[in-house]
Amino acid sequence: MTLDPRGGRGAVYLLDKPPGCTSRRAAAEVARFWGYRRFGHAGTLDPSASGVLPVLLGSATRLSAYLSGHEKRYSFEVVTGIETDSLDSEGAVVGRADPVTPAPEDLARILDRFEGGFEQKVPAFSAVKIGGMASFRIARAGGSPETPSRRVTAGSWEILWIRDGRFRLAVTVSPGTYIRALASDIGAALGCGAHAAGIVRESCGAFTRAECAAGPGSPGSLLAPAQAMRGYPARVLTGEEASRVSHGNPVEDATEGTVALLGGRGGELLAVGTGDGRFIRPVTVLPACPECS
């Protein structure tokens, strides 16, 4: 029997993932606590990273695309003078140089180079598939995977502190941006190399770290799917419209773009649709799941 008090279409749990475990393992612990067999998460964090991890439970696993494709804010430390193969503190050291403690104004000028859109090469230690195999597996086996470059954006940089060849930064980035690669590139710009440490995801779309629980058992961090879609416009359906939507049929409405379609018990999320200015067509329908009752 699922302990979910939020209704019968799953839930989204806001977890402050601890460092030292994979996102999948952390999500599995949440699912086990709340009694769900089906689970997922929106946006993967590296095992060494911590912070906001929305865990999707039951039918809410269908919301992954809507909850993971937003800007994210991170804080992280840049350790100068030491380069690693994984670009973070978990990897093997591949280069050393004298560390650099930049003046704030000099560091700000370097960060200006990473403001806006630019191409970023995917790290070798990543889950990107190369010839059908995850890049990190090739790298661990001693290979040199040819990873692609991607267009990413970064902005709203903050310098949190600087001392003894290390500094901590905060930045807002587009989906798919590798914070480890940013740290490495900043080190290259300083001329000494660097790697990332202490990566923390401070926000993920509309979700902030202040809302997250450090463990799986906090009811206050368990959101109904309708609450989790708060970053999107919502349309409350009549009983007849709710029936139409549940069978995949459109409803008349002038809203454009992604819309949360609410109805049923207490305004629960029945579906997510796309509006063209005349109709909203359901794209993702959330069925009532047996494990939620």
Protein backbone atom coordinates (compact mmCIF):
# COMPACT_ATOMS: atom_id res chain seq x y z
CA MET A 1 0.00 0.00 0.00
CA THR A 2 1.52 3.32 -1.09
CA LEU A 3 1.70 5.94 1.68
CA ASP A 4 1.21 8.82 -0.79
CA PRO A 5 -1.34 11.27 0.68
CA ARG A 6 -1.45 13.35 -2.49
CA GLY A 7 -3.78 11.39 -4.74
CA GLY A 8 -3.79 8.52 -7.19
CA ARG A 9 -1.59 9.72 -10.06
CA GLY A 10 1.81 9.53 -8.46
CA ALA A 11 3.90 12.27 -6.89
CA VAL A 12 7.13 14.24 -7.19
CA TYR A 13 9.50 14.18 -4.23
CA LEU A 14 12.03 16.99 -3.87
CA LEU A 15 15.24 15.40 -2.61
CA ASP A 16 18.44 17.14 -1.59
CA LYS A 17 20.65 14.37 -2.93
CA PRO A 18 23.72 13.72 -0.79
CA PRO A 19 27.15 13.30 -2.40
CA GLY A 20 28.47 9.77 -2.74
CA CYS A 21 25.56 8.06 -4.48
CA THR A 22 24.11 7.95 -7.97
CA SER A 23 20.88 9.77 -8.80
CA ARG A 24 19.28 6.40 -9.60
CA ARG A 25 20.17 4.95 -6.22
CA ALA A 26 18.92 8.05 -4.39
CA ALA A 27 15.63 7.95 -6.33
CA ALA A 28 15.23 4.24 -5.60
CA GLU A 29 15.47 4.89 -1.86
CA VAL A 30 12.69 7.49 -2.10
CA ALA A 31 10.49 5.16 -4.17
CA ARG A 32 11.03 2.34 -1.70
CA PHE A 33 10.07 4.53 1.24
CA TRP A 34 6.81 5.69 -0.37
CA GLY A 35 5.97 2.26 -1.77
CA TYR A 36 6.34 2.87 -5.50
CA ARG A 37 7.65 0.32 -7.98
CA ARG A 38 7.82 2.80 -10.87
CA PHE A 39 10.14 5.79 -10.42
CA GLY A 40 12.59 8.08 -12.16
CA HIS A 41 14.18 11.48 -11.71
CA ALA A 42 14.38 14.80 -13.55
CA GLY A 43 17.95 15.75 -14.34
CA THR A 44 20.89 13.54 -13.39
CA LEU A 45 23.45 14.66 -10.80
CA ASP A 46 26.98 13.24 -10.76
CA PRO A 47 27.56 10.84 -7.84
CA SER A 48 29.89 13.36 -6.17
CA ALA A 49 27.39 16.22 -6.57
CA SER A 50 24.55 17.14 -4.23
CA GLY A 51 21.43 19.27 -4.34
CA VAL A 52 18.02 19.41 -5.97
CA LEU A 53 16.87 16.10 -7.45
CA PRO A 54 13.15 15.85 -8.32
CA VAL A 55 12.21 12.19 -7.90
CA LEU A 56 9.25 11.08 -10.04
CA LEU A 57 6.94 8.46 -8.55
CA GLY A 58 4.23 6.36 -10.18
CA SER A 59 2.44 8.02 -13.11
CA ALA A 60 4.46 11.21 -12.48
CA THR A 61 7.36 9.51 -14.28
CA ARG A 62 5.61 10.72 -17.42
CA LEU A 63 6.46 14.32 -16.46
CA SER A 64 10.21 13.91 -16.88
CA ALA A 65 10.47 15.95 -20.08
CA TYR A 66 8.52 18.83 -18.54
CA LEU A 67 10.50 19.00 -15.30
CA SER A 68 14.05 18.43 -16.53
CA GLY A 69 14.28 20.78 -19.51
CA HIS A 70 14.70 24.01 -17.51
CA GLU A 71 17.59 26.18 -16.43
CA LYS A 72 19.49 25.02 -13.36
CA ARG A 73 21.59 26.94 -10.87
CA TYR A 74 24.74 25.48 -9.35
CA SER A 75 27.42 26.47 -6.89
CA PHE A 76 30.81 24.80 -7.18
CA GLU A 77 34.43 25.10 -6.20
CA VAL A 78 37.28 25.49 -8.67
CA VAL A 79 40.54 23.93 -7.47
CA THR A 80 43.39 25.42 -9.49
CA GLY A 81 46.70 23.76 -10.36
CA ILE A 82 45.35 20.20 -10.46
CA GLU A 83 43.75 18.63 -13.54
CA THR A 84 41.95 15.27 -13.42
CA ASP A 85 40.70 12.92 -16.10
CA SER A 86 37.09 13.25 -14.92
CA LEU A 87 37.38 17.04 -14.44
CA ASP A 88 36.32 16.68 -10.79
CA SER A 89 37.85 15.56 -7.50
CA GLU A 90 36.85 11.91 -8.13
CA GLY A 91 39.24 11.42 -11.04
CA ALA A 92 42.90 10.55 -11.42
CA VAL A 93 45.35 13.47 -11.52
CA VAL A 94 46.63 14.06 -15.05
CA GLY A 95 48.34 17.43 -14.65
CA ARG A 96 49.84 19.70 -12.01
CA ALA A 97 50.90 23.34 -11.98
CA ASP A 98 51.33 26.11 -9.47
CA PRO A 99 47.89 27.11 -8.17
CA VAL A 100 46.55 30.58 -8.90
CA THR A 101 44.60 32.82 -6.54
CA PRO A 102 43.07 35.39 -8.91
CA ALA A 103 42.00 38.88 -7.92
CA PRO A 104 38.20 39.26 -8.05
CA GLU A 105 38.36 41.64 -10.99
CA ASP A 106 40.61 39.28 -12.97
CA LEU A 107 38.33 36.32 -12.28
CA ALA A 108 35.29 38.38 -13.27
CA ARG A 109 36.89 39.13 -16.63
CA ILE A 110 37.47 35.41 -17.22
CA LEU A 111 33.89 34.58 -16.30
CA ASP A 112 32.72 37.13 -18.88
CA ARG A 113 34.07 34.72 -21.53
CA PHE A 114 31.52 32.15 -20.35
CA GLU A 115 28.52 34.49 -20.32
CA GLY A 116 25.77 33.72 -22.83
CA GLY A 117 25.94 30.97 -25.43
CA PHE A 118 29.05 28.99 -26.36
CA GLU A 119 30.19 25.53 -27.46
CA GLN A 120 31.12 23.07 -24.72
CA LYS A 121 32.84 19.74 -25.32
CA VAL A 122 31.16 16.87 -23.49
CA PRO A 123 33.58 15.35 -20.93
CA ALA A 124 34.98 11.89 -21.64
CA PHE A 125 33.59 10.76 -18.30
CA SER A 126 29.93 11.18 -19.24
CA ALA A 127 26.97 8.99 -20.14
CA VAL A 128 26.92 10.15 -23.77
CA LYS A 129 26.90 7.17 -26.11
CA ILE A 130 29.84 6.75 -28.49
CA GLY A 131 29.28 3.93 -30.95
CA GLY A 132 26.60 2.49 -28.71
CA MET A 133 28.74 2.52 -25.55
CA ALA A 134 28.68 5.05 -22.73
CA SER A 135 31.64 7.41 -23.04
CA PHE A 136 32.71 6.92 -19.40
CA ARG A 137 33.04 3.16 -19.95
CA ILE A 138 35.42 3.75 -22.84
CA ALA A 139 37.41 6.24 -20.74
CA ARG A 140 37.61 3.86 -17.77
CA ALA A 141 38.94 1.15 -20.06
CA GLY A 142 41.79 3.46 -21.08
CA GLY A 143 40.26 4.69 -24.34
CA SER A 144 39.94 8.25 -25.61
CA PRO A 145 36.31 8.70 -26.69
CA GLU A 146 35.61 11.40 -29.28
CA THR A 147 32.81 13.25 -27.53
CA PRO A 148 30.72 15.89 -29.30
CA SER A 149 30.44 19.59 -28.53
CA ARG A 150 27.11 21.13 -27.58
CA ARG A 151 25.73 24.64 -27.55
CA VAL A 152 25.11 25.68 -23.94
CA THR A 153 24.37 28.92 -22.12
CA ALA A 154 25.61 30.26 -18.79
CA GLY A 155 24.92 33.47 -16.90
CA SER A 156 24.23 35.25 -13.60
CA TRP A 157 27.72 34.40 -12.36
CA GLU A 158 28.58 35.05 -8.72
CA ILE A 159 31.99 34.90 -7.06
CA LEU A 160 31.24 33.53 -3.58
CA TRP A 161 34.79 33.46 -2.21
CA ILE A 162 38.46 33.24 -3.26
CA ARG A 163 41.34 31.89 -1.17
CA ASP A 164 44.52 29.81 -1.44
CA GLY A 165 44.26 28.76 -5.08
CA ARG A 166 40.57 27.89 -4.80
CA PHE A 167 37.36 29.81 -5.36
CA ARG A 168 33.65 29.10 -5.23
CA LEU A 169 31.24 30.26 -7.90
CA ALA A 170 27.52 30.18 -8.64
CA VAL A 171 26.03 30.12 -12.13
CA THR A 172 22.76 29.51 -13.96
CA VAL A 173 23.07 27.19 -16.95
CA SER A 174 20.99 25.61 -19.68
CA PRO A 175 20.06 21.90 -19.59
CA GLY A 176 22.94 19.64 -20.58
CA THR A 177 25.71 21.95 -19.34
CA TYR A 178 28.57 20.19 -17.57
CA ILE A 179 29.75 22.13 -14.51
CA ARG A 180 32.93 20.00 -14.43
CA ALA A 181 33.78 21.22 -17.92
CA LEU A 182 33.20 24.84 -16.91
CA ALA A 183 35.66 24.45 -14.03
CA SER A 184 38.24 22.89 -16.33
CA ASP A 185 37.83 25.63 -18.94
CA ILE A 186 38.16 28.35 -16.30
CA GLY A 187 41.39 26.69 -15.13
CA ALA A 188 42.66 26.66 -18.70
CA ALA A 189 41.85 30.37 -19.02
CA LEU A 190 43.89 31.01 -15.84
CA GLY A 191 46.80 29.08 -17.38
CA CYS A 192 47.14 26.57 -14.53
CA GLY A 193 44.43 23.98 -15.10
CA ALA A 194 41.72 23.17 -12.58
CA HIS A 195 39.01 20.75 -11.59
CA ALA A 196 35.58 21.05 -9.95
CA ALA A 197 34.74 20.11 -6.36
CA GLY A 198 31.72 20.44 -4.12
CA ILE A 199 29.17 20.76 -6.92
CA VAL A 200 25.71 21.64 -5.55
CA ARG A 201 22.55 22.06 -7.62
CA GLU A 202 20.81 24.99 -5.94
CA SER A 203 17.72 25.02 -8.15
CA CYS A 204 16.14 23.04 -10.97
CA GLY A 205 13.51 24.99 -12.87
CA ALA A 206 10.89 26.11 -10.35
CA PHE A 207 12.31 23.93 -7.54
CA THR A 208 14.80 25.28 -5.01
CA ARG A 209 17.05 23.54 -2.53
CA ALA A 210 15.14 25.14 0.36
CA GLU A 211 12.13 22.98 -0.58
CA CYS A 212 14.11 19.73 -0.63
CA ALA A 213 14.47 17.15 2.11
CA ALA A 214 17.79 15.55 3.00
CA GLY A 215 16.15 12.10 3.21
CA PRO A 216 13.20 10.24 1.71
CA GLY A 217 10.71 10.57 4.56
CA SER A 218 9.50 14.18 4.56
CA PRO A 219 5.81 14.64 3.59
CA GLY A 220 6.45 18.37 3.13
CA SER A 221 8.70 17.64 0.15
CA LEU A 222 6.16 15.36 -1.54
CA LEU A 223 4.25 17.21 -4.27
CA ALA A 224 1.16 16.21 -6.18
CA PRO A 225 1.81 16.22 -9.96
CA ALA A 226 -0.33 19.37 -10.32
CA GLN A 227 1.92 21.18 -7.82
CA ALA A 228 5.03 19.97 -9.60
CA MET A 229 3.79 21.56 -12.86
CA ARG A 230 3.50 25.00 -11.24
CA GLY A 231 5.88 26.53 -13.76
CA TYR A 232 3.29 26.06 -16.52
CA PRO A 233 -0.15 27.62 -17.15
CA ALA A 234 -3.05 25.47 -15.96
CA ARG A 235 -6.53 24.84 -17.35
CA VAL A 236 -9.27 23.48 -15.07
CA LEU A 237 -11.49 21.07 -17.01
CA THR A 238 -15.20 20.46 -16.73
CA GLY A 239 -16.34 16.89 -16.17
CA GLU A 240 -17.09 16.45 -19.87
CA GLU A 241 -13.74 17.95 -20.89
CA ALA A 242 -11.92 15.72 -18.40
CA SER A 243 -13.52 12.69 -20.03
CA ARG A 244 -12.45 13.90 -23.48
CA VAL A 245 -8.88 14.53 -22.37
CA SER A 246 -8.59 11.14 -20.67
CA HIS A 247 -9.34 9.57 -24.07
CA GLY A 248 -6.76 11.75 -25.84
CA ASN A 249 -9.20 14.24 -27.39
CA PRO A 250 -8.63 18.03 -27.55
CA VAL A 251 -10.56 20.77 -25.76
CA GLU A 252 -11.22 24.30 -26.99
CA ASP A 253 -8.98 26.95 -25.47
CA ALA A 254 -6.99 29.98 -26.67
CA THR A 255 -3.86 29.14 -24.64
CA GLU A 256 -0.66 28.40 -26.56
CA GLY A 257 2.24 26.19 -25.53
CA THR A 258 2.44 23.62 -22.75
CA VAL A 259 -0.58 23.53 -20.43
CA ALA A 260 -1.33 21.51 -17.29
CA LEU A 261 -4.85 20.07 -17.57
CA LEU A 262 -6.54 19.73 -14.18
CA GLY A 263 -9.70 17.97 -13.09
CA GLY A 264 -10.99 15.02 -11.15
CA ARG A 265 -10.49 14.82 -7.40
CA GLY A 266 -9.33 18.15 -5.99
CA GLY A 267 -7.98 19.50 -9.26
CA GLU A 268 -5.44 16.78 -9.83
CA LEU A 269 -3.29 16.70 -12.94
CA LEU A 270 -5.00 14.58 -15.59
CA ALA A 271 -2.76 15.39 -18.54
CA VAL A 272 -0.28 17.81 -20.06
CA GLY A 273 -1.31 19.31 -23.37
CA THR A 274 -0.09 21.62 -26.10
CA GLY A 275 -2.20 24.60 -27.13
CA ASP A 276 -2.20 26.17 -30.59
CA GLY A 277 -4.48 29.13 -29.80
CA ARG A 278 -7.65 27.25 -30.67
CA PHE A 279 -7.39 23.85 -29.04
CA ILE A 280 -5.34 22.16 -26.34
CA ARG A 281 -4.41 18.65 -27.37
CA PRO A 282 -3.36 16.23 -24.63
CA VAL A 283 0.17 14.97 -25.22
CA THR A 284 0.86 13.18 -21.94
CA VAL A 285 -2.03 11.59 -20.04
CA LEU A 286 -1.48 10.54 -16.43
CA PRO A 287 -3.53 7.45 -15.68
CA ALA A 288 -4.56 6.57 -12.16
CA CYS A 289 -1.98 4.01 -11.07
CA PRO A 290 -2.92 0.94 -9.03
CA GLU A 291 0.13 1.36 -6.78
CA CYS A 292 -1.12 4.84 -5.78
CA SER A 293 -4.30 3.61 -4.12
